[in-house]
Amino acid sequence: GAKAIAEPVRHSTSLQYLGLWNNEIGDEATKAIAEAVPHSTSLEELVLGGYKIGDEGAKAIAEAVRNSTSLQTLSLGYNGLSDSAEDAVRAAWEQSGKDSSGLYF
């Protein structure tokens, strides 16, 4: 699952895009991927649409956004995120100085 994907993301120097649509694997797998994102020096676009991310997963994504130097586009559509989860991700995105046109809910 996503935990197996997270390890190569963590060590990749060439992966630019990771798109995982409609996997519905929830917060634990989301956290594993989120923990790997800041370690990647090449990941520019992350798509986790229809992923059943809850507030805990969104908090992990927010932390990843805050600490990633390469991420430029993040799509979290069709997750049914709460307003507070969206706000946390949006705030992290803005605090990290990323272009707001790269964030999608």
Protein backbone atom coordinates (compact mmCIF):
# COMPACT_ATOMS: atom_id res chain seq x y z
CA GLY A 1 0.00 0.00 0.00
CA ALA A 2 0.94 3.60 0.57
CA LYS A 3 3.58 2.75 3.16
CA ALA A 4 5.46 0.82 0.47
CA ILE A 5 5.20 3.88 -1.79
CA ALA A 6 6.39 6.25 0.93
CA GLU A 7 9.88 4.79 1.22
CA PRO A 8 10.88 5.35 -2.44
CA VAL A 9 9.38 8.87 -2.26
CA ARG A 10 11.56 9.60 0.75
CA HIS A 11 14.74 8.68 -1.12
CA SER A 12 13.88 9.81 -4.63
CA THR A 13 15.93 12.44 -6.39
CA SER A 14 14.02 12.21 -9.68
CA LEU A 15 10.32 11.60 -8.87
CA GLN A 16 8.46 14.78 -9.82
CA TYR A 17 4.82 13.63 -9.77
CA LEU A 18 2.94 11.25 -7.51
CA GLY A 19 -0.75 10.75 -8.23
CA LEU A 20 -2.81 8.38 -6.11
CA TRP A 21 -6.51 8.67 -6.95
CA ASN A 22 -9.42 6.86 -5.30
CA ASN A 23 -7.38 4.61 -3.06
CA GLU A 24 -9.45 5.30 0.08
CA ILE A 25 -6.70 4.16 2.41
CA GLY A 26 -7.18 6.86 5.03
CA ASP A 27 -5.12 8.73 7.54
CA GLU A 28 -2.42 6.20 8.47
CA ALA A 29 -1.24 5.75 4.89
CA THR A 30 -1.58 9.49 4.29
CA LYS A 31 0.69 10.13 7.26
CA ALA A 32 3.29 7.72 5.87
CA ILE A 33 3.35 9.53 2.53
CA ALA A 34 3.30 12.94 4.21
CA GLU A 35 6.31 12.03 6.35
CA ALA A 36 8.25 11.10 3.20
CA VAL A 37 7.41 14.21 1.15
CA PRO A 38 9.81 16.68 2.83
CA HIS A 39 12.71 14.29 2.28
CA SER A 40 12.22 14.22 -1.48
CA THR A 41 14.28 16.82 -3.29
CA SER A 42 12.41 16.37 -6.56
CA LEU A 43 8.68 15.88 -5.84
CA GLU A 44 6.86 18.86 -7.34
CA GLU A 45 3.28 17.60 -7.57
CA LEU A 46 1.30 15.42 -5.17
CA VAL A 47 -2.25 14.31 -5.96
CA LEU A 48 -4.21 12.54 -3.24
CA GLY A 49 -7.75 12.78 -4.60
CA GLY A 50 -10.58 10.59 -3.35
CA TYR A 51 -8.25 9.32 -0.67
CA LYS A 52 -10.53 9.49 2.40
CA ILE A 53 -8.19 11.82 4.26
CA GLY A 54 -9.44 12.87 7.67
CA ASP A 55 -8.25 15.62 9.97
CA GLU A 56 -5.21 13.65 11.18
CA GLY A 57 -4.07 12.98 7.63
CA ALA A 58 -4.61 16.62 6.73
CA LYS A 59 -2.47 17.72 9.68
CA ALA A 60 0.31 15.45 8.42
CA ILE A 61 -0.04 16.89 4.91
CA ALA A 62 0.12 20.41 6.36
CA GLU A 63 3.37 19.55 8.11
CA ALA A 64 4.76 18.04 4.90
CA VAL A 65 3.85 21.18 2.96
CA ARG A 66 5.53 23.34 5.55
CA ASN A 67 8.76 21.35 5.31
CA SER A 68 8.96 20.53 1.61
CA THR A 69 11.22 22.68 -0.53
CA SER A 70 10.27 21.10 -3.86
CA LEU A 71 6.46 20.69 -3.70
CA GLN A 72 4.68 23.20 -5.95
CA THR A 73 1.29 21.56 -6.55
CA LEU A 74 -0.98 19.73 -4.12
CA SER A 75 -4.40 18.35 -4.99
CA LEU A 76 -6.63 17.02 -2.22
CA GLY A 77 -9.96 16.98 -4.06
CA TYR A 78 -12.81 14.61 -3.24
CA ASN A 79 -11.66 13.85 0.28
CA GLY A 80 -14.47 15.51 2.19
CA LEU A 81 -12.01 17.43 4.32
CA SER A 82 -13.42 19.46 7.18
CA ASP A 83 -13.12 23.24 7.03
CA SER A 84 -10.50 23.17 9.78
CA ALA A 85 -8.44 20.57 7.88
CA GLU A 86 -8.54 22.65 4.70
CA ASP A 87 -7.63 25.75 6.71
CA ALA A 88 -4.62 23.97 8.24
CA VAL A 89 -3.30 22.87 4.85
CA ARG A 90 -3.98 26.28 3.30
CA ALA A 91 -2.19 28.07 6.17
CA ALA A 92 0.85 25.79 5.86
CA TRP A 93 0.88 26.34 2.09
CA GLU A 94 0.82 30.12 2.51
CA GLN A 95 3.36 30.12 5.37
CA SER A 96 5.80 28.17 3.22
CA GLY A 97 5.58 30.86 0.51
CA LYS A 98 4.10 28.56 -2.12
CA ASP A 99 1.98 29.99 -4.95
CA SER A 100 -1.70 29.69 -4.02
CA SER A 101 -2.54 28.60 -7.58
CA GLY A 102 -0.84 25.27 -6.83
CA LEU A 103 -3.26 24.20 -4.09
CA TYR A 104 -6.52 22.40 -4.93
CA PHE A 105 -9.31 21.06 -2.73
